[in-house]
Amino acid sequence: MNLRFIFNPRAGRGPGGPRLLDRIHAFITEHHLAAAVVPTERPRHATELARRAVDDGCGLVVAVGGDGLINEVAQALVGTDTVLGLIPCGSGNGLSRHLGLARPDDRAFRTLLAGRRRTIDTGTANGIPFFNVMGAGFDAEISRQFNRITSRGVAAYFRIGVSAWHRFHPETFVIRDGQNTVTIRATLVAVGNSDQYGGAAFVATGAQVDDGRLDLIAVPASSFLQAVPLLARLFLNSFDRGPGVVHLRGGRFTIQRTAPGCIHTDGEVHETGPDIEVIIRPRSLHVMVPA
């Protein structure tokens, strides 16, 4: 089987540098693999490289980076027989963590050859693909600011969050899932394919990537003192049980707000209109996961 490693030289953690690149080449040599390693050079370049890998007949395309790179690579693999492999070295690694791969360690490399293929759901928000979590409101604003800095990690994320909180204004959202209509003045509305943002912060308790459903979490507007215990719930896997939090499950959501704004898809930020249509694509992507 032909392999293609797509490598982000700017991945959020230290291992996304020369030593990890050397390790990949050593892995290829040790197992006598028909494989190539190609670096990304610009935003969305990984999607082009992954499409080329599919056209070249590669059976496994490995994303070496964080959720952003995984998103770009996976876009080209949706609906194909090509399998996505994961060597996670980003700052959050949300999807990888959900699938049992938190770090670019021996387990991640072993999984490429000795794991099992799992077929998962994916989603779109106004046609923009996401594979882990999309969101509107505060988490989209955090993603916007996070993408502007060079330092990464949970500590940087918290610093940005505290600073942005005092300038952020909640919005009124009308959310429909075909059966329910919810109107809420919310800090954020997130839709998860997996259960976590990354860094062991769980946003959608119980979400599974292959259950044919997406999980929507809407967090009501609150004061800073009210937000602190809610923040703690992120790391206790009980975020959806916070006071006033709305948790819906379904295959399609319409999210309406009063004005255009930004959303994020797996941490990448996009400007959209006031209406956001979120749709699941059931069992549309093959991923190699631990056996």
C-alpha atoms as a PDB file:
ATOM      1  CA  MET A   1       0.000   0.000   0.000  1.00  0.00           C
ATOM      2  CA  ASN A   2       1.264   3.466  -0.894  1.00  0.00           C
ATOM      3  CA  LEU A   3       1.401   6.022   1.921  1.00  0.00           C
ATOM      4  CA  ARG A   4       1.647   9.785   1.877  1.00  0.00           C
ATOM      5  CA  PHE A   5       2.645  11.782   4.980  1.00  0.00           C
ATOM      6  CA  ILE A   6       1.477  15.414   4.897  1.00  0.00           C
ATOM      7  CA  PHE A   7       3.501  17.371   7.404  1.00  0.00           C
ATOM      8  CA  ASN A   8       2.827  20.774   8.965  1.00  0.00           C
ATOM      9  CA  PRO A   9       6.217  22.336   9.837  1.00  0.00           C
ATOM     10  CA  ARG A  10       4.444  24.893  12.043  1.00  0.00           C
ATOM     11  CA  ALA A  11       2.409  22.448  14.156  1.00  0.00           C
ATOM     12  CA  GLY A  12       1.708  23.775  17.647  1.00  0.00           C
ATOM     13  CA  ARG A  13       3.993  21.474  19.658  1.00  0.00           C
ATOM     14  CA  GLY A  14       7.726  21.070  19.649  1.00  0.00           C
ATOM     15  CA  PRO A  15       7.610  17.565  18.103  1.00  0.00           C
ATOM     16  CA  GLY A  16       6.304  19.149  14.893  1.00  0.00           C
ATOM     17  CA  GLY A  17       9.924  19.895  13.962  1.00  0.00           C
ATOM     18  CA  PRO A  18      12.998  18.207  12.550  1.00  0.00           C
ATOM     19  CA  ARG A  19      13.095  15.365  15.123  1.00  0.00           C
ATOM     20  CA  LEU A  20       9.594  14.215  14.255  1.00  0.00           C
ATOM     21  CA  LEU A  21      10.400  14.482  10.567  1.00  0.00           C
ATOM     22  CA  ASP A  22      13.474  12.296  11.135  1.00  0.00           C
ATOM     23  CA  ARG A  23      11.309   9.829  13.025  1.00  0.00           C
ATOM     24  CA  ILE A  24       8.877   9.579  10.114  1.00  0.00           C
ATOM     25  CA  HIS A  25      11.685   8.854   7.676  1.00  0.00           C
ATOM     26  CA  ALA A  26      13.100   6.227  10.066  1.00  0.00           C
ATOM     27  CA  PHE A  27       9.642   4.626  10.335  1.00  0.00           C
ATOM     28  CA  ILE A  28       9.363   4.450   6.548  1.00  0.00           C
ATOM     29  CA  THR A  29      12.811   2.869   6.260  1.00  0.00           C
ATOM     30  CA  GLU A  30      12.262   0.394   9.115  1.00  0.00           C
ATOM     31  CA  HIS A  31       9.053  -0.962   7.608  1.00  0.00           C
ATOM     32  CA  HIS A  32      10.160  -0.733   3.959  1.00  0.00           C
ATOM     33  CA  LEU A  33       7.158   1.410   3.066  1.00  0.00           C
ATOM     34  CA  ALA A  34       6.318   2.888  -0.310  1.00  0.00           C
ATOM     35  CA  ALA A  35       5.820   6.350   1.147  1.00  0.00           C
ATOM     36  CA  ALA A  36       6.610  10.010   0.633  1.00  0.00           C
ATOM     37  CA  VAL A  37       6.658  12.952   3.056  1.00  0.00           C
ATOM     38  CA  VAL A  38       5.479  16.322   1.787  1.00  0.00           C
ATOM     39  CA  PRO A  39       5.367  19.569   3.819  1.00  0.00           C
ATOM     40  CA  THR A  40       2.622  22.170   3.612  1.00  0.00           C
ATOM     41  CA  GLU A  41       3.662  25.608   2.424  1.00  0.00           C
ATOM     42  CA  ARG A  42       0.533  27.736   2.870  1.00  0.00           C
ATOM     43  CA  PRO A  43      -3.038  27.646   4.183  1.00  0.00           C
ATOM     44  CA  ARG A  44      -5.217  24.969   2.511  1.00  0.00           C
ATOM     45  CA  HIS A  45      -2.183  23.500   0.775  1.00  0.00           C
ATOM     46  CA  ALA A  46      -2.766  20.214   2.640  1.00  0.00           C
ATOM     47  CA  THR A  47      -6.073  19.694   0.827  1.00  0.00           C
ATOM     48  CA  GLU A  48      -4.311  19.997  -2.525  1.00  0.00           C
ATOM     49  CA  LEU A  49      -1.606  17.570  -1.420  1.00  0.00           C
ATOM     50  CA  ALA A  50      -4.171  15.067  -0.135  1.00  0.00           C
ATOM     51  CA  ARG A  51      -6.171  15.209  -3.375  1.00  0.00           C
ATOM     52  CA  ARG A  52      -2.982  14.525  -5.281  1.00  0.00           C
ATOM     53  CA  ALA A  53      -2.288  11.559  -2.994  1.00  0.00           C
ATOM     54  CA  VAL A  54      -5.747  10.132  -3.708  1.00  0.00           C
ATOM     55  CA  ASP A  55      -5.182  10.614  -7.452  1.00  0.00           C
ATOM     56  CA  ASP A  56      -1.824   8.822  -7.079  1.00  0.00           C
ATOM     57  CA  GLY A  57      -3.571   5.799  -5.589  1.00  0.00           C
ATOM     58  CA  CYS A  58      -2.398   6.168  -1.997  1.00  0.00           C
ATOM     59  CA  GLY A  59      -4.353   3.917   0.345  1.00  0.00           C
ATOM     60  CA  LEU A  60      -3.354   5.811   3.509  1.00  0.00           C
ATOM     61  CA  VAL A  61      -2.748   9.556   3.847  1.00  0.00           C
ATOM     62  CA  VAL A  62      -1.257  10.585   7.187  1.00  0.00           C
ATOM     63  CA  ALA A  63      -1.861  14.055   8.644  1.00  0.00           C
ATOM     64  CA  VAL A  64       1.104  15.118  10.793  1.00  0.00           C
ATOM     65  CA  GLY A  65      -0.140  18.168  12.664  1.00  0.00           C
ATOM     66  CA  GLY A  66      -3.099  19.467  14.639  1.00  0.00           C
ATOM     67  CA  ASP A  67      -6.844  19.716  14.084  1.00  0.00           C
ATOM     68  CA  GLY A  68      -6.423  22.353  11.384  1.00  0.00           C
ATOM     69  CA  LEU A  69      -4.182  20.161   9.259  1.00  0.00           C
ATOM     70  CA  ILE A  70      -6.381  17.122   9.879  1.00  0.00           C
ATOM     71  CA  ASN A  71      -9.342  19.161   8.645  1.00  0.00           C
ATOM     72  CA  GLU A  72      -7.543  20.129   5.435  1.00  0.00           C
ATOM     73  CA  VAL A  73      -6.351  16.596   4.694  1.00  0.00           C
ATOM     74  CA  ALA A  74      -9.696  14.990   5.547  1.00  0.00           C
ATOM     75  CA  GLN A  75     -11.564  17.314   3.167  1.00  0.00           C
ATOM     76  CA  ALA A  76      -9.897  15.531   0.260  1.00  0.00           C
ATOM     77  CA  LEU A  77     -10.600  12.037   1.627  1.00  0.00           C
ATOM     78  CA  VAL A  78     -14.343  12.336   2.355  1.00  0.00           C
ATOM     79  CA  GLY A  79     -16.289   9.917   0.186  1.00  0.00           C
ATOM     80  CA  THR A  80     -13.185   8.065  -1.019  1.00  0.00           C
ATOM     81  CA  ASP A  81     -11.699   4.686  -0.100  1.00  0.00           C
ATOM     82  CA  THR A  82      -8.472   6.338   1.066  1.00  0.00           C
ATOM     83  CA  VAL A  83      -7.902   6.094   4.829  1.00  0.00           C
ATOM     84  CA  LEU A  84      -6.817   8.984   7.047  1.00  0.00           C
ATOM     85  CA  GLY A  85      -3.901   8.340   9.402  1.00  0.00           C
ATOM     86  CA  LEU A  86      -3.085  10.569  12.370  1.00  0.00           C
ATOM     87  CA  ILE A  87       0.205  11.663  13.898  1.00  0.00           C
ATOM     88  CA  PRO A  88      -1.143  14.393  16.221  1.00  0.00           C
ATOM     89  CA  CYS A  89       1.264  17.190  17.123  1.00  0.00           C
ATOM     90  CA  GLY A  90      -1.008  20.214  17.448  1.00  0.00           C
ATOM     91  CA  SER A  91      -1.875  22.240  20.521  1.00  0.00           C
ATOM     92  CA  GLY A  92      -5.261  20.603  21.152  1.00  0.00           C
ATOM     93  CA  ASN A  93      -5.594  17.407  19.085  1.00  0.00           C
ATOM     94  CA  GLY A  94      -9.326  17.169  19.746  1.00  0.00           C
ATOM     95  CA  LEU A  95     -10.318  14.600  17.127  1.00  0.00           C
ATOM     96  CA  SER A  96      -7.169  12.546  17.662  1.00  0.00           C
ATOM     97  CA  ARG A  97      -7.744  12.427  21.415  1.00  0.00           C
ATOM     98  CA  HIS A  98     -11.327  11.308  20.896  1.00  0.00           C
ATOM     99  CA  LEU A  99     -10.038   8.491  18.686  1.00  0.00           C
ATOM    100  CA  GLY A 100      -7.440   7.408  21.260  1.00  0.00           C
ATOM    101  CA  LEU A 101      -4.353   9.156  19.886  1.00  0.00           C
ATOM    102  CA  ALA A 102      -3.248  12.082  22.040  1.00  0.00           C
ATOM    103  CA  ARG A 103       0.431  12.431  21.068  1.00  0.00           C
ATOM    104  CA  PRO A 104       2.897  11.685  18.256  1.00  0.00           C
ATOM    105  CA  ASP A 105       4.235   8.687  20.181  1.00  0.00           C
ATOM    106  CA  ASP A 106       4.963   5.041  19.384  1.00  0.00           C
ATOM    107  CA  ARG A 107       1.257   4.190  19.647  1.00  0.00           C
ATOM    108  CA  ALA A 108       0.389   6.663  16.902  1.00  0.00           C
ATOM    109  CA  PHE A 109       3.012   5.184  14.591  1.00  0.00           C
ATOM    110  CA  ARG A 110       2.024   1.578  15.374  1.00  0.00           C
ATOM    111  CA  THR A 111      -1.598   2.404  14.634  1.00  0.00           C
ATOM    112  CA  LEU A 112      -0.740   3.321  11.051  1.00  0.00           C
ATOM    113  CA  LEU A 113       0.155  -0.302  10.289  1.00  0.00           C
ATOM    114  CA  ALA A 114      -1.498  -2.352  13.052  1.00  0.00           C
ATOM    115  CA  GLY A 115      -4.637  -0.362  13.812  1.00  0.00           C
ATOM    116  CA  ARG A 116      -8.151  -0.854  12.531  1.00  0.00           C
ATOM    117  CA  ARG A 117     -10.149   1.147  10.037  1.00  0.00           C
ATOM    118  CA  ARG A 118     -13.060   3.068  11.544  1.00  0.00           C
ATOM    119  CA  THR A 119     -15.616   4.838   9.364  1.00  0.00           C
ATOM    120  CA  ILE A 120     -16.805   8.065  10.964  1.00  0.00           C
ATOM    121  CA  ASP A 121     -19.351  10.805  10.377  1.00  0.00           C
ATOM    122  CA  THR A 122     -18.348  14.281   9.266  1.00  0.00           C
ATOM    123  CA  GLY A 123     -20.185  17.592   9.154  1.00  0.00           C
ATOM    124  CA  THR A 124     -20.538  20.818   7.234  1.00  0.00           C
ATOM    125  CA  ALA A 125     -21.440  24.316   8.386  1.00  0.00           C
ATOM    126  CA  ASN A 126     -22.756  26.380   5.481  1.00  0.00           C
ATOM    127  CA  GLY A 127     -20.952  23.909   3.261  1.00  0.00           C
ATOM    128  CA  ILE A 128     -17.619  24.243   5.122  1.00  0.00           C
ATOM    129  CA  PRO A 129     -16.380  20.834   6.288  1.00  0.00           C
ATOM    130  CA  PHE A 130     -15.590  20.059   9.913  1.00  0.00           C
ATOM    131  CA  PHE A 131     -14.568  16.798  11.521  1.00  0.00           C
ATOM    132  CA  ASN A 132     -14.314  17.608  15.215  1.00  0.00           C
ATOM    133  CA  VAL A 133     -16.195  20.729  16.375  1.00  0.00           C
ATOM    134  CA  MET A 134     -17.624  23.882  14.817  1.00  0.00           C
ATOM    135  CA  GLY A 135     -18.808  26.862  16.796  1.00  0.00           C
ATOM    136  CA  ALA A 136     -20.251  30.367  16.762  1.00  0.00           C
ATOM    137  CA  GLY A 137     -19.906  33.023  19.409  1.00  0.00           C
ATOM    138  CA  PHE A 138     -17.171  33.127  22.037  1.00  0.00           C
ATOM    139  CA  ASP A 139     -15.254  30.041  20.911  1.00  0.00           C
ATOM    140  CA  ALA A 140     -15.105  31.392  17.346  1.00  0.00           C
ATOM    141  CA  GLU A 141     -13.702  34.672  18.672  1.00  0.00           C
ATOM    142  CA  ILE A 142     -11.133  32.763  20.730  1.00  0.00           C
ATOM    143  CA  SER A 143     -10.122  30.816  17.617  1.00  0.00           C
ATOM    144  CA  ARG A 144      -9.749  34.075  15.684  1.00  0.00           C
ATOM    145  CA  GLN A 145      -7.372  35.499  18.263  1.00  0.00           C
ATOM    146  CA  PHE A 146      -5.570  32.211  18.902  1.00  0.00           C
ATOM    147  CA  ASN A 147      -4.690  31.909  15.225  1.00  0.00           C
ATOM    148  CA  ARG A 148      -2.935  35.284  15.347  1.00  0.00           C
ATOM    149  CA  ILE A 149      -0.341  34.311  17.956  1.00  0.00           C
ATOM    150  CA  THR A 150       2.795  32.197  17.662  1.00  0.00           C
ATOM    151  CA  SER A 151       2.791  30.642  21.146  1.00  0.00           C
ATOM    152  CA  ARG A 152       0.389  27.707  21.501  1.00  0.00           C
ATOM    153  CA  GLY A 153      -0.983  25.406  24.160  1.00  0.00           C
ATOM    154  CA  VAL A 154      -3.661  25.446  26.837  1.00  0.00           C
ATOM    155  CA  ALA A 155      -2.037  28.306  28.800  1.00  0.00           C
ATOM    156  CA  ALA A 156      -2.105  30.607  25.764  1.00  0.00           C
ATOM    157  CA  TYR A 157      -5.713  29.623  25.113  1.00  0.00           C
ATOM    158  CA  PHE A 158      -6.686  30.612  28.660  1.00  0.00           C
ATOM    159  CA  ARG A 159      -4.851  33.942  28.456  1.00  0.00           C
ATOM    160  CA  ILE A 160      -6.716  34.846  25.300  1.00  0.00           C
ATOM    161  CA  GLY A 161     -10.007  33.681  26.782  1.00  0.00           C
ATOM    162  CA  VAL A 162      -9.757  35.826  29.900  1.00  0.00           C
ATOM    163  CA  SER A 163      -8.757  38.859  27.865  1.00  0.00           C
ATOM    164  CA  ALA A 164     -11.515  38.380  25.264  1.00  0.00           C
ATOM    165  CA  TRP A 165     -14.243  37.732  27.844  1.00  0.00           C
ATOM    166  CA  HIS A 166     -14.369  41.353  28.989  1.00  0.00           C
ATOM    167  CA  ARG A 167     -14.915  42.600  25.419  1.00  0.00           C
ATOM    168  CA  PHE A 168     -17.280  39.904  24.210  1.00  0.00           C
ATOM    169  CA  HIS A 169     -21.024  40.501  23.813  1.00  0.00           C
ATOM    170  CA  PRO A 170     -23.385  37.481  23.783  1.00  0.00           C
ATOM    171  CA  GLU A 171     -25.787  37.070  20.873  1.00  0.00           C
ATOM    172  CA  THR A 172     -29.364  35.845  20.563  1.00  0.00           C
ATOM    173  CA  PHE A 173     -29.590  32.572  18.647  1.00  0.00           C
ATOM    174  CA  VAL A 174     -32.640  30.743  17.305  1.00  0.00           C
ATOM    175  CA  ILE A 175     -31.807  27.053  16.964  1.00  0.00           C
ATOM    176  CA  ARG A 176     -33.939  24.495  15.108  1.00  0.00           C
ATOM    177  CA  ASP A 177     -33.372  20.770  14.728  1.00  0.00           C
ATOM    178  CA  GLY A 178     -36.564  19.798  12.889  1.00  0.00           C
ATOM    179  CA  GLN A 179     -38.435  19.008  16.107  1.00  0.00           C
ATOM    180  CA  ASN A 180     -37.399  21.701  18.571  1.00  0.00           C
ATOM    181  CA  THR A 181     -36.987  25.470  18.368  1.00  0.00           C
ATOM    182  CA  VAL A 182     -34.816  27.062  21.042  1.00  0.00           C
ATOM    183  CA  THR A 183     -34.244  30.799  21.437  1.00  0.00           C
ATOM    184  CA  ILE A 184     -31.327  31.614  23.692  1.00  0.00           C
ATOM    185  CA  ARG A 185     -29.093  34.555  24.445  1.00  0.00           C
ATOM    186  CA  ALA A 186     -25.870  32.617  24.362  1.00  0.00           C
ATOM    187  CA  THR A 187     -22.168  32.975  24.918  1.00  0.00           C
ATOM    188  CA  LEU A 188     -21.502  30.249  22.373  1.00  0.00           C
ATOM    189  CA  VAL A 189     -23.160  27.597  20.259  1.00  0.00           C
ATOM    190  CA  ALA A 190     -20.943  24.614  19.448  1.00  0.00           C
ATOM    191  CA  VAL A 191     -21.706  21.530  17.369  1.00  0.00           C
ATOM    192  CA  GLY A 192     -19.526  18.509  18.061  1.00  0.00           C
ATOM    193  CA  ASN A 193     -18.869  15.447  15.972  1.00  0.00           C
ATOM    194  CA  SER A 194     -16.514  14.248  18.703  1.00  0.00           C
ATOM    195  CA  ASP A 195     -16.898  15.026  22.400  1.00  0.00           C
ATOM    196  CA  GLN A 196     -14.017  17.433  22.936  1.00  0.00           C
ATOM    197  CA  TYR A 197     -12.331  20.617  21.813  1.00  0.00           C
ATOM    198  CA  GLY A 198      -8.888  19.202  22.574  1.00  0.00           C
ATOM    199  CA  GLY A 199      -6.466  19.364  25.461  1.00  0.00           C
ATOM    200  CA  ALA A 200      -8.875  17.175  27.503  1.00  0.00           C
ATOM    201  CA  ALA A 201     -11.586  19.871  27.377  1.00  0.00           C
ATOM    202  CA  PHE A 202     -14.878  18.038  26.764  1.00  0.00           C
ATOM    203  CA  VAL A 203     -17.608  20.135  25.143  1.00  0.00           C
ATOM    204  CA  ALA A 204     -20.233  17.527  24.165  1.00  0.00           C
ATOM    205  CA  THR A 205     -20.502  14.719  26.695  1.00  0.00           C
ATOM    206  CA  GLY A 206     -21.419  11.422  25.075  1.00  0.00           C
ATOM    207  CA  ALA A 207     -20.820  12.512  21.478  1.00  0.00           C
ATOM    208  CA  GLN A 208     -19.513   9.785  19.176  1.00  0.00           C
ATOM    209  CA  VAL A 209     -18.066  10.214  15.717  1.00  0.00           C
ATOM    210  CA  ASP A 210     -19.967   7.286  14.229  1.00  0.00           C
ATOM    211  CA  ASP A 211     -23.442   7.468  15.804  1.00  0.00           C
ATOM    212  CA  GLY A 212     -25.110   9.272  12.885  1.00  0.00           C
ATOM    213  CA  ARG A 213     -25.728  12.383  15.009  1.00  0.00           C
ATOM    214  CA  LEU A 214     -24.122  15.702  15.827  1.00  0.00           C
ATOM    215  CA  ASP A 215     -24.287  17.180  19.338  1.00  0.00           C
ATOM    216  CA  LEU A 216     -25.225  20.856  19.718  1.00  0.00           C
ATOM    217  CA  ILE A 217     -24.325  22.701  22.925  1.00  0.00           C
ATOM    218  CA  ALA A 218     -25.631  26.231  23.575  1.00  0.00           C
ATOM    219  CA  VAL A 219     -24.251  28.033  26.632  1.00  0.00           C
ATOM    220  CA  PRO A 220     -26.385  30.861  28.064  1.00  0.00           C
ATOM    221  CA  ALA A 221     -24.944  34.325  28.647  1.00  0.00           C
ATOM    222  CA  SER A 222     -23.407  34.542  32.115  1.00  0.00           C
ATOM    223  CA  SER A 223     -21.228  36.663  34.345  1.00  0.00           C
ATOM    224  CA  PHE A 224     -17.540  35.960  34.821  1.00  0.00           C
ATOM    225  CA  LEU A 225     -18.203  34.377  38.247  1.00  0.00           C
ATOM    226  CA  GLN A 226     -20.851  32.110  36.715  1.00  0.00           C
ATOM    227  CA  ALA A 227     -18.506  31.162  33.885  1.00  0.00           C
ATOM    228  CA  VAL A 228     -15.678  29.945  36.140  1.00  0.00           C
ATOM    229  CA  PRO A 229     -17.443  26.782  37.422  1.00  0.00           C
ATOM    230  CA  LEU A 230     -18.767  26.174  33.896  1.00  0.00           C
ATOM    231  CA  LEU A 231     -15.200  26.306  32.624  1.00  0.00           C
ATOM    232  CA  ALA A 232     -14.232  23.699  35.209  1.00  0.00           C
ATOM    233  CA  ARG A 233     -16.970  21.446  33.816  1.00  0.00           C
ATOM    234  CA  LEU A 234     -15.121  21.385  30.488  1.00  0.00           C
ATOM    235  CA  PHE A 235     -12.398  19.304  32.133  1.00  0.00           C
ATOM    236  CA  LEU A 236     -14.816  17.222  34.219  1.00  0.00           C
ATOM    237  CA  ASN A 237     -16.747  16.041  31.142  1.00  0.00           C
ATOM    238  CA  SER A 238     -19.968  17.599  32.438  1.00  0.00           C
ATOM    239  CA  PHE A 239     -20.115  20.812  30.399  1.00  0.00           C
ATOM    240  CA  ASP A 240     -23.568  20.044  29.031  1.00  0.00           C
ATOM    241  CA  ARG A 241     -24.973  19.764  32.568  1.00  0.00           C
ATOM    242  CA  GLY A 242     -24.157  23.351  33.496  1.00  0.00           C
ATOM    243  CA  PRO A 243     -27.028  25.672  34.495  1.00  0.00           C
ATOM    244  CA  GLY A 244     -29.158  26.609  31.483  1.00  0.00           C
ATOM    245  CA  VAL A 245     -26.974  24.771  28.956  1.00  0.00           C
ATOM    246  CA  VAL A 246     -28.925  23.366  25.985  1.00  0.00           C
ATOM    247  CA  HIS A 247     -27.856  19.987  24.550  1.00  0.00           C
ATOM    248  CA  LEU A 248     -29.508  18.748  21.349  1.00  0.00           C
ATOM    249  CA  ARG A 249     -28.668  15.750  19.154  1.00  0.00           C
ATOM    250  CA  GLY A 250     -29.545  15.424  15.493  1.00  0.00           C
ATOM    251  CA  GLY A 251     -28.426  15.270  11.903  1.00  0.00           C
ATOM    252  CA  ARG A 252     -29.246  18.844  10.913  1.00  0.00           C
ATOM    253  CA  PHE A 253     -29.396  22.159  12.740  1.00  0.00           C
ATOM    254  CA  THR A 254     -30.343  25.647  11.614  1.00  0.00           C
ATOM    255  CA  ILE A 255     -28.704  28.341  13.731  1.00  0.00           C
ATOM    256  CA  GLN A 256     -29.900  31.911  13.224  1.00  0.00           C
ATOM    257  CA  ARG A 257     -28.390  35.028  14.763  1.00  0.00           C
ATOM    258  CA  THR A 258     -29.201  38.696  14.348  1.00  0.00           C
ATOM    259  CA  ALA A 259     -26.171  39.664  12.254  1.00  0.00           C
ATOM    260  CA  PRO A 260     -23.350  38.149  10.206  1.00  0.00           C
ATOM    261  CA  GLY A 261     -20.272  37.044  12.089  1.00  0.00           C
ATOM    262  CA  CYS A 262     -17.564  34.452  12.294  1.00  0.00           C
ATOM    263  CA  ILE A 263     -17.681  30.744  12.926  1.00  0.00           C
ATOM    264  CA  HIS A 264     -14.875  28.268  13.392  1.00  0.00           C
ATOM    265  CA  THR A 265     -14.537  24.787  11.944  1.00  0.00           C
ATOM    266  CA  ASP A 266     -11.937  22.758  13.843  1.00  0.00           C
ATOM    267  CA  GLY A 267     -10.356  26.025  14.928  1.00  0.00           C
ATOM    268  CA  GLU A 268     -10.217  27.649  11.486  1.00  0.00           C
ATOM    269  CA  VAL A 269     -12.217  30.883  11.264  1.00  0.00           C
ATOM    270  CA  HIS A 270     -14.651  31.913   8.504  1.00  0.00           C
ATOM    271  CA  GLU A 271     -17.002  34.868   8.088  1.00  0.00           C
ATOM    272  CA  THR A 272     -20.601  33.827   7.467  1.00  0.00           C
ATOM    273  CA  GLY A 273     -24.056  35.357   7.235  1.00  0.00           C
ATOM    274  CA  PRO A 274     -26.584  35.353  10.080  1.00  0.00           C
ATOM    275  CA  ASP A 275     -27.918  31.878   9.145  1.00  0.00           C
ATOM    276  CA  ILE A 276     -25.800  28.773   9.705  1.00  0.00           C
ATOM    277  CA  GLU A 277     -26.896  25.399   8.348  1.00  0.00           C
ATOM    278  CA  VAL A 278     -25.121  22.460  10.002  1.00  0.00           C
ATOM    279  CA  ILE A 279     -25.508  19.057   8.338  1.00  0.00           C
ATOM    280  CA  ILE A 280     -24.079  15.625   9.082  1.00  0.00           C
ATOM    281  CA  ARG A 281     -22.533  13.390   6.424  1.00  0.00           C
ATOM    282  CA  PRO A 282     -22.943   9.916   7.927  1.00  0.00           C
ATOM    283  CA  ARG A 283     -20.051   7.441   7.682  1.00  0.00           C
ATOM    284  CA  SER A 284     -18.199   9.474   5.110  1.00  0.00           C
ATOM    285  CA  LEU A 285     -14.536   9.207   6.198  1.00  0.00           C
ATOM    286  CA  HIS A 286     -12.256   6.236   6.920  1.00  0.00           C
ATOM    287  CA  VAL A 287      -9.749   6.738   9.759  1.00  0.00           C
ATOM    288  CA  MET A 288      -7.068   4.427  11.130  1.00  0.00           C
ATOM    289  CA  VAL A 289      -7.502   4.105  14.912  1.00  0.00           C
ATOM    290  CA  PRO A 290      -5.867   1.932  17.619  1.00  0.00           C
ATOM    291  CA  ALA A 291      -6.879  -1.737  17.461  1.00  0.00           C
END
